[in-house]
Structures are given as C-alpha cells and as structure tokens.
C-alpha atoms as a PDB file:
ATOM      1  CA  MET A   1      -9.062 206.641 216.799  1.00  0.00           C
ATOM      2  CA  ASN A   2     -11.155 205.962 220.050  1.00  0.00           C
ATOM      3  CA  TYR A   3     -12.848 202.860 220.555  1.00  0.00           C
ATOM      4  CA  ASP A   4     -15.606 202.474 223.025  1.00  0.00           C
ATOM      5  CA  LEU A   5     -14.442 199.212 224.468  1.00  0.00           C
ATOM      6  CA  GLU A   6     -17.056 198.875 227.181  1.00  0.00           C
ATOM      7  CA  ASN A   7     -19.475 198.677 225.112  1.00  0.00           C
ATOM      8  CA  MET A   8     -18.056 196.274 222.079  1.00  0.00           C
ATOM      9  CA  THR A   9     -19.336 192.629 221.989  1.00  0.00           C
ATOM     10  CA  ARG A  10     -16.785 189.743 222.448  1.00  0.00           C
ATOM     11  CA  ASP A  11     -16.799 189.158 218.711  1.00  0.00           C
ATOM     12  CA  GLU A  12     -16.267 192.909 218.000  1.00  0.00           C
ATOM     13  CA  LEU A  13     -13.274 192.958 220.661  1.00  0.00           C
ATOM     14  CA  GLU A  14     -11.642 189.730 218.905  1.00  0.00           C
ATOM     15  CA  ALA A  15     -11.984 191.214 215.509  1.00  0.00           C
ATOM     16  CA  LEU A  16     -10.457 194.562 216.791  1.00  0.00           C
ATOM     17  CA  ILE A  17      -7.532 192.412 218.423  1.00  0.00           C
ATOM     18  CA  LYS A  18      -7.067 190.471 214.988  1.00  0.00           C
ATOM     19  CA  ASP A  19      -6.769 193.576 212.971  1.00  0.00           C
ATOM     20  CA  ALA A  20      -4.512 195.144 215.525  1.00  0.00           C
ATOM     21  CA  GLN A  21      -2.211 192.155 215.236  1.00  0.00           C
ATOM     22  CA  LYS A  22      -2.371 192.112 211.556  1.00  0.00           C
ATOM     23  CA  ALA A  23      -1.375 195.928 211.640  1.00  0.00           C
ATOM     24  CA  LEU A  24       1.480 195.201 214.010  1.00  0.00           C
ATOM     25  CA  LYS A  25       2.763 192.840 211.420  1.00  0.00           C
ATOM     26  CA  THR A  26       2.552 195.141 208.711  1.00  0.00           C
ATOM     27  CA  VAL A  27       4.459 197.912 210.687  1.00  0.00           C
ATOM     28  CA  ASP A  28       7.033 195.602 211.720  1.00  0.00           C
ATOM     29  CA  ALA A  29       7.457 194.286 207.871  1.00  0.00           C
ATOM     30  CA  ARG A  30       7.857 197.958 206.937  1.00  0.00           C
ATOM     31  CA  ARG A  31      10.468 198.789 209.488  1.00  0.00           C
ATOM     32  CA  ARG A  32      12.502 195.775 208.875  1.00  0.00           C
ATOM     33  CA  SER A  33      12.437 196.713 205.045  1.00  0.00           C
ATOM     34  CA  GLU A  34      13.202 200.441 205.843  1.00  0.00           C
ATOM     35  CA  ALA A  35      16.117 199.112 208.224  1.00  0.00           C
ATOM     36  CA  LYS A  36      17.413 196.832 205.218  1.00  0.00           C
ATOM     37  CA  ARG A  37      17.615 199.725 202.949  1.00  0.00           C
ATOM     38  CA  ALA A  38      19.324 202.032 205.290  1.00  0.00           C
ATOM     39  CA  ALA A  39      21.776 199.232 206.106  1.00  0.00           C
ATOM     40  CA  GLU A  40      22.305 198.412 202.223  1.00  0.00           C
ATOM     41  CA  GLN A  41      22.825 202.017 201.694  1.00  0.00           C
ATOM     42  CA  ALA A  42      25.439 202.473 204.414  1.00  0.00           C
ATOM     43  CA  ALA A  43      27.299 199.291 203.130  1.00  0.00           C
ATOM     44  CA  LYS A  44      27.190 201.158 199.745  1.00  0.00           C
ATOM     45  CA  GLU A  45      28.859 204.414 200.731  1.00  0.00           C
ATOM     46  CA  TYR A  46      31.614 201.970 202.009  1.00  0.00           C
ATOM     47  CA  GLY A  47      31.936 200.277 198.529  1.00  0.00           C
ATOM     48  CA  PHE A  48      30.528 197.129 199.855  1.00  0.00           C
ATOM     49  CA  SER A  49      27.164 195.027 199.479  1.00  0.00           C
ATOM     50  CA  LEU A  50      25.002 194.178 202.527  1.00  0.00           C
ATOM     51  CA  ASP A  51      25.651 190.435 202.004  1.00  0.00           C
ATOM     52  CA  GLU A  52      29.604 191.093 201.756  1.00  0.00           C
ATOM     53  CA  ILE A  53      29.155 192.892 205.252  1.00  0.00           C
ATOM     54  CA  LEU A  54      27.024 190.036 206.602  1.00  0.00           C
ATOM     55  CA  THR A  55      29.000 187.157 205.336  1.00  0.00           C
ATOM     56  CA  ALA A  56      32.697 188.437 205.624  1.00  0.00           C
ATOM     57  CA  GLY A  57      34.765 189.002 208.682  1.00  0.00           C
ATOM     58  CA  PRO A  58      36.471 186.965 211.299  1.00  0.00           C
ATOM     59  CA  LYS A  59      34.217 184.929 213.352  1.00  0.00           C
ATOM     60  CA  GLY A  60      34.508 184.683 217.142  1.00  0.00           C
ATOM     61  CA  SER A  61      38.267 184.058 218.109  1.00  0.00           C
ATOM     62  CA  LYS A  62      38.886 180.721 219.404  1.00  0.00           C
ATOM     63  CA  GLY A  63      41.936 181.492 221.127  1.00  0.00           C
ATOM     64  CA  SER A  64      45.617 180.238 221.141  1.00  0.00           C
ATOM     65  CA  PRO A  65      46.077 176.644 222.044  1.00  0.00           C
ATOM     66  CA  LYS A  66      47.694 176.220 225.600  1.00  0.00           C
ATOM     67  CA  TYR A  67      47.722 172.243 225.710  1.00  0.00           C
ATOM     68  CA  ALA A  68      48.592 169.721 223.150  1.00  0.00           C
ATOM     69  CA  ASN A  69      48.336 166.040 223.442  1.00  0.00           C
ATOM     70  CA  PRO A  70      51.645 164.171 224.136  1.00  0.00           C
ATOM     71  CA  GLN A  71      50.529 161.215 221.988  1.00  0.00           C
ATOM     72  CA  ASP A  72      49.290 163.553 219.244  1.00  0.00           C
ATOM     73  CA  PRO A  73      50.465 167.159 219.176  1.00  0.00           C
ATOM     74  CA  THR A  74      48.029 167.801 216.247  1.00  0.00           C
ATOM     75  CA  GLN A  75      45.354 167.655 219.273  1.00  0.00           C
ATOM     76  CA  THR A  76      45.240 171.242 221.015  1.00  0.00           C
ATOM     77  CA  TRP A  77      42.924 172.718 223.450  1.00  0.00           C
ATOM     78  CA  THR A  78      42.688 176.372 224.289  1.00  0.00           C
ATOM     79  CA  GLY A  79      41.840 175.655 228.127  1.00  0.00           C
ATOM     80  CA  ARG A  80      38.354 177.063 227.432  1.00  0.00           C
ATOM     81  CA  GLY A  81      35.185 175.540 227.236  1.00  0.00           C
ATOM     82  CA  ARG A  82      34.687 171.639 227.678  1.00  0.00           C
ATOM     83  CA  LYS A  83      38.124 169.544 228.119  1.00  0.00           C
ATOM     84  CA  PRO A  84      38.701 167.239 225.305  1.00  0.00           C
ATOM     85  CA  ASN A  85      38.827 163.349 226.162  1.00  0.00           C
ATOM     86  CA  TRP A  86      42.370 163.384 225.742  1.00  0.00           C
ATOM     87  CA  VAL A  87      42.890 166.131 228.481  1.00  0.00           C
ATOM     88  CA  ILE A  88      40.413 164.062 230.856  1.00  0.00           C
ATOM     89  CA  GLU A  89      42.426 160.758 230.355  1.00  0.00           C
ATOM     90  CA  ALA A  90      45.844 162.124 230.979  1.00  0.00           C
ATOM     91  CA  LEU A  91      44.614 163.823 234.057  1.00  0.00           C
ATOM     92  CA  ASP A  92      43.266 160.395 235.097  1.00  0.00           C
ATOM     93  CA  GLU A  93      46.531 158.887 234.369  1.00  0.00           C
ATOM     94  CA  GLY A  94      47.875 161.568 237.043  1.00  0.00           C
ATOM     95  CA  LYS A  95      49.248 164.158 234.719  1.00  0.00           C
ATOM     96  CA  SER A  96      48.936 167.753 235.547  1.00  0.00           C
ATOM     97  CA  LEU A  97      47.439 170.290 233.078  1.00  0.00           C
ATOM     98  CA  GLU A  98      51.161 172.093 233.410  1.00  0.00           C
ATOM     99  CA  GLN A  99      52.662 168.875 232.080  1.00  0.00           C
ATOM    100  CA  LEU A 100      50.425 169.227 228.841  1.00  0.00           C
ATOM    101  CA  ALA A 101      51.202 172.769 228.504  1.00  0.00           C
ATOM    102  CA  ILE A 102      52.671 173.930 225.033  1.00  0.00           C
END
C-alpha cells in the first residue's frame, strides 16, 4: 500500500489518519483476544480457569509487625510506609522506636 501523501488533500489525509486509527484499534482488539485465548489455554493445561489464576494467590506481603502500641497491642506497624498516629504520638512523648519494638 503506497500512498502519495504529497498530493493528497487535507481531507484525504485526515480520512486516512482516521482509517488508520480505526485499523489500529481493530488490531489491538484482535491481539488482546488472541492473548486471552492463549492465557486461558495455558491455565487450562494446569487445571485452572483464567479467572481462578487472576483472582487467587497471595497479595503483596505487608511484612511482619515490628512495633506495637503499648496502650493497645493490637495496633502494630511493620516499620514500612507512613507512621501510624500512635507511633507519632509516642515519639512526640519522648519514646524511641526501640521502646515500641515487639
């Protein structure tokens, strides 16, 4: 398919672009469908459905708690991410993280 782009009008070029974008969407949809079929087949070979594979399994690990609130030991913190309010309050009161360690 060779197009003489230099001699096409603006309207012809815009129509060509629109047709190309539509064709890209069709190609993407077809490839997505093929990929899904391949994934379903691979899951089936192991005795699972694709839905079982996608919804099962462990989520990201939160890690083990390293610190506990002295006033409420059920409140724990792994030491990762934002400090809970009880940690901030304990530090403001002069306690150290070592004193909150489990």
